[in-house]
Amino acid sequence: MAFVIGGLICVLGQLLMDLTPLTPAHVLVLFVVLGGVLSGLGLYQPLVDIGGAGATVPLPGFGHSLVSGTIEEINKVGLWGIFTGAVKAAAAGITAAIVFALAIAIVFNPKG
C-alpha cells in the first residue's frame, strides 16, 4: 500500500504541475500545508496507518509530522508546545536533509 499511496500523491502533484499554472514551488507549499491541515483535522493519520512510508515520506507527510508533533507537545507541556513541538518532530528529517545537502555540495561542483 505504501507504493500505491505514495504513487497517488506523486500523480496528483504531477497533474497539478501539468494541468494548472502552478509551479513546483507552489505544489511543494500546497502539499506541506495540505498535509498539516489534514493532520490537524485527524484525516491524515488513517492514510499513514494504511500507506506507511508512502504517506509519511512525500511532502504532505512533512506537514503531518509538524502538526502531529505540535499537537503531541501541546498535550504534554501546554501552550509552550506550540513553539517546540514542530521542531522536535521534524528535527531528524531536517538534520538529514542538511547533512546530505552538504555532503553532495562537497562532492560535486556546482553549476554556475
C-alpha atoms as a PDB file:
ATOM      1  CA  MET A   1       0.000   0.000   0.000  1.00  0.00           C
ATOM      2  CA  ALA A   2       2.968   2.334   0.503  1.00  0.00           C
ATOM      3  CA  PHE A   3       3.665   2.232  -3.225  1.00  0.00           C
ATOM      4  CA  VAL A   4       0.022   2.932  -4.098  1.00  0.00           C
ATOM      5  CA  ILE A   5      -0.447   5.812  -1.632  1.00  0.00           C
ATOM      6  CA  GLY A   6       2.919   7.401  -2.430  1.00  0.00           C
ATOM      7  CA  GLY A   7       2.316   6.962  -6.148  1.00  0.00           C
ATOM      8  CA  LEU A   8      -1.098   8.601  -5.953  1.00  0.00           C
ATOM      9  CA  ILE A   9       0.378  11.581  -4.108  1.00  0.00           C
ATOM     10  CA  CYS A  10       3.047  11.926  -6.797  1.00  0.00           C
ATOM     11  CA  VAL A  11       0.499  11.573  -9.604  1.00  0.00           C
ATOM     12  CA  LEU A  12      -1.605  14.314  -8.010  1.00  0.00           C
ATOM     13  CA  GLY A  13       1.446  16.588  -7.817  1.00  0.00           C
ATOM     14  CA  GLN A  14       2.373  15.912 -11.433  1.00  0.00           C
ATOM     15  CA  LEU A  15      -1.186  16.582 -12.606  1.00  0.00           C
ATOM     16  CA  LEU A  16      -1.219  19.864 -10.697  1.00  0.00           C
ATOM     17  CA  MET A  17       2.000  20.947 -12.423  1.00  0.00           C
ATOM     18  CA  ASP A  18       0.896  19.785 -15.880  1.00  0.00           C
ATOM     19  CA  LEU A  19      -2.722  20.947 -15.906  1.00  0.00           C
ATOM     20  CA  THR A  20      -2.567  24.150 -13.848  1.00  0.00           C
ATOM     21  CA  PRO A  21      -0.287  27.195 -13.859  1.00  0.00           C
ATOM     22  CA  LEU A  22       1.178  26.084 -10.504  1.00  0.00           C
ATOM     23  CA  THR A  23       4.962  25.871 -10.324  1.00  0.00           C
ATOM     24  CA  PRO A  24       6.797  23.103  -8.448  1.00  0.00           C
ATOM     25  CA  ALA A  25       7.323  25.544  -5.565  1.00  0.00           C
ATOM     26  CA  HIS A  26       3.579  26.178  -5.363  1.00  0.00           C
ATOM     27  CA  VAL A  27       2.860  22.449  -5.322  1.00  0.00           C
ATOM     28  CA  LEU A  28       5.503  21.916  -2.618  1.00  0.00           C
ATOM     29  CA  VAL A  29       3.917  24.514  -0.348  1.00  0.00           C
ATOM     30  CA  LEU A  30       0.407  23.288  -1.160  1.00  0.00           C
ATOM     31  CA  PHE A  31       1.283  19.688  -0.260  1.00  0.00           C
ATOM     32  CA  VAL A  32       3.016  20.571   3.017  1.00  0.00           C
ATOM     33  CA  VAL A  33       0.116  22.803   4.074  1.00  0.00           C
ATOM     34  CA  LEU A  34      -2.451  20.230   2.933  1.00  0.00           C
ATOM     35  CA  GLY A  35      -0.686  17.526   4.965  1.00  0.00           C
ATOM     36  CA  GLY A  36      -0.718  19.794   8.011  1.00  0.00           C
ATOM     37  CA  VAL A  37      -4.378  20.718   7.636  1.00  0.00           C
ATOM     38  CA  LEU A  38      -5.451  17.119   7.078  1.00  0.00           C
ATOM     39  CA  SER A  39      -3.395  16.085  10.100  1.00  0.00           C
ATOM     40  CA  GLY A  40      -4.969  18.782  12.252  1.00  0.00           C
ATOM     41  CA  LEU A  41      -8.405  17.554  11.207  1.00  0.00           C
ATOM     42  CA  GLY A  42      -7.437  13.968  12.036  1.00  0.00           C
ATOM     43  CA  LEU A  43      -7.744  12.827   8.416  1.00  0.00           C
ATOM     44  CA  TYR A  44      -4.088  12.175   7.568  1.00  0.00           C
ATOM     45  CA  GLN A  45      -3.271   9.630  10.296  1.00  0.00           C
ATOM     46  CA  PRO A  46      -5.598   6.969   8.797  1.00  0.00           C
ATOM     47  CA  LEU A  47      -3.737   7.432   5.494  1.00  0.00           C
ATOM     48  CA  VAL A  48      -0.431   6.939   7.340  1.00  0.00           C
ATOM     49  CA  ASP A  49      -1.818   3.818   9.024  1.00  0.00           C
ATOM     50  CA  ILE A  50      -2.731   2.355   5.612  1.00  0.00           C
ATOM     51  CA  GLY A  51       0.160   3.629   3.490  1.00  0.00           C
ATOM     52  CA  GLY A  52       3.049   3.792   5.960  1.00  0.00           C
ATOM     53  CA  ALA A  53       6.103   5.335   4.296  1.00  0.00           C
ATOM     54  CA  GLY A  54       4.052   6.018   1.179  1.00  0.00           C
ATOM     55  CA  ALA A  55       2.209   8.657   3.189  1.00  0.00           C
ATOM     56  CA  THR A  56       4.977   9.882   5.505  1.00  0.00           C
ATOM     57  CA  VAL A  57       7.865  10.324   3.065  1.00  0.00           C
ATOM     58  CA  PRO A  58       6.218  12.625   0.460  1.00  0.00           C
ATOM     59  CA  LEU A  59       5.661  16.305   1.166  1.00  0.00           C
ATOM     60  CA  PRO A  60       2.268  16.003   2.890  1.00  0.00           C
ATOM     61  CA  GLY A  61       3.989  13.724   5.392  1.00  0.00           C
ATOM     62  CA  PHE A  62       6.242  16.608   6.432  1.00  0.00           C
ATOM     63  CA  GLY A  63       3.222  18.796   7.159  1.00  0.00           C
ATOM     64  CA  HIS A  64       1.675  15.889   9.057  1.00  0.00           C
ATOM     65  CA  SER A  65       4.860  15.474  11.083  1.00  0.00           C
ATOM     66  CA  LEU A  66       4.940  19.156  12.020  1.00  0.00           C
ATOM     67  CA  VAL A  67       1.296  19.323  13.085  1.00  0.00           C
ATOM     68  CA  SER A  68       1.149  15.977  14.873  1.00  0.00           C
ATOM     69  CA  GLY A  69       4.355  16.811  16.752  1.00  0.00           C
ATOM     70  CA  THR A  70       2.927  20.164  17.777  1.00  0.00           C
ATOM     71  CA  ILE A  71      -0.350  18.636  18.966  1.00  0.00           C
ATOM     72  CA  GLU A  72       1.523  15.967  20.928  1.00  0.00           C
ATOM     73  CA  GLU A  73       3.774  18.546  22.561  1.00  0.00           C
ATOM     74  CA  ILE A  74       0.822  20.789  23.446  1.00  0.00           C
ATOM     75  CA  ASN A  75      -0.780  17.827  25.217  1.00  0.00           C
ATOM     76  CA  LYS A  76       2.455  17.221  27.176  1.00  0.00           C
ATOM     77  CA  VAL A  77       3.613  20.708  28.166  1.00  0.00           C
ATOM     78  CA  GLY A  78       0.740  23.019  27.342  1.00  0.00           C
ATOM     79  CA  LEU A  79       0.871  26.208  25.313  1.00  0.00           C
ATOM     80  CA  TRP A  80       4.675  26.179  25.112  1.00  0.00           C
ATOM     81  CA  GLY A  81       4.324  23.100  22.892  1.00  0.00           C
ATOM     82  CA  ILE A  82       3.235  25.362  20.037  1.00  0.00           C
ATOM     83  CA  PHE A  83       6.825  26.584  19.801  1.00  0.00           C
ATOM     84  CA  THR A  84       8.671  23.331  20.477  1.00  0.00           C
ATOM     85  CA  GLY A  85       6.503  20.547  19.026  1.00  0.00           C
ATOM     86  CA  ALA A  86       7.146  21.057  15.317  1.00  0.00           C
ATOM     87  CA  VAL A  87      10.891  21.428  15.819  1.00  0.00           C
ATOM     88  CA  LYS A  88      11.163  18.263  17.900  1.00  0.00           C
ATOM     89  CA  ALA A  89       9.022  16.242  15.485  1.00  0.00           C
ATOM     90  CA  ALA A  90      10.873  17.279  12.338  1.00  0.00           C
ATOM     91  CA  ALA A  91      14.406  17.641  13.694  1.00  0.00           C
ATOM     92  CA  ALA A  92      15.716  14.315  12.376  1.00  0.00           C
ATOM     93  CA  GLY A  93      14.394  14.910   8.859  1.00  0.00           C
ATOM     94  CA  ILE A  94      15.657  18.475   8.690  1.00  0.00           C
ATOM     95  CA  THR A  95      19.073  17.452  10.007  1.00  0.00           C
ATOM     96  CA  ALA A  96      19.332  14.629   7.477  1.00  0.00           C
ATOM     97  CA  ALA A  97      18.431  16.991   4.626  1.00  0.00           C
ATOM     98  CA  ILE A  98      21.090  19.494   5.698  1.00  0.00           C
ATOM     99  CA  VAL A  99      23.790  16.849   6.162  1.00  0.00           C
ATOM    100  CA  PHE A 100      23.089  15.156   2.820  1.00  0.00           C
ATOM    101  CA  ALA A 101      22.922  18.503   1.010  1.00  0.00           C
ATOM    102  CA  LEU A 102      26.273  19.490   2.489  1.00  0.00           C
ATOM    103  CA  ALA A 103      27.837  16.154   1.519  1.00  0.00           C
ATOM    104  CA  ILE A 104      26.568  16.455  -2.053  1.00  0.00           C
ATOM    105  CA  ALA A 105      27.785  20.066  -2.265  1.00  0.00           C
ATOM    106  CA  ILE A 106      31.257  18.995  -1.128  1.00  0.00           C
ATOM    107  CA  VAL A 107      31.490  16.048  -3.542  1.00  0.00           C
ATOM    108  CA  PHE A 108      30.121  17.715  -6.684  1.00  0.00           C
ATOM    109  CA  ASN A 109      30.928  21.020  -8.372  1.00  0.00           C
ATOM    110  CA  PRO A 110      28.044  23.472  -8.529  1.00  0.00           C
ATOM    111  CA  LYS A 111      26.750  24.627 -11.894  1.00  0.00           C
ATOM    112  CA  GLY A 112      27.084  28.364 -12.260  1.00  0.00           C
END
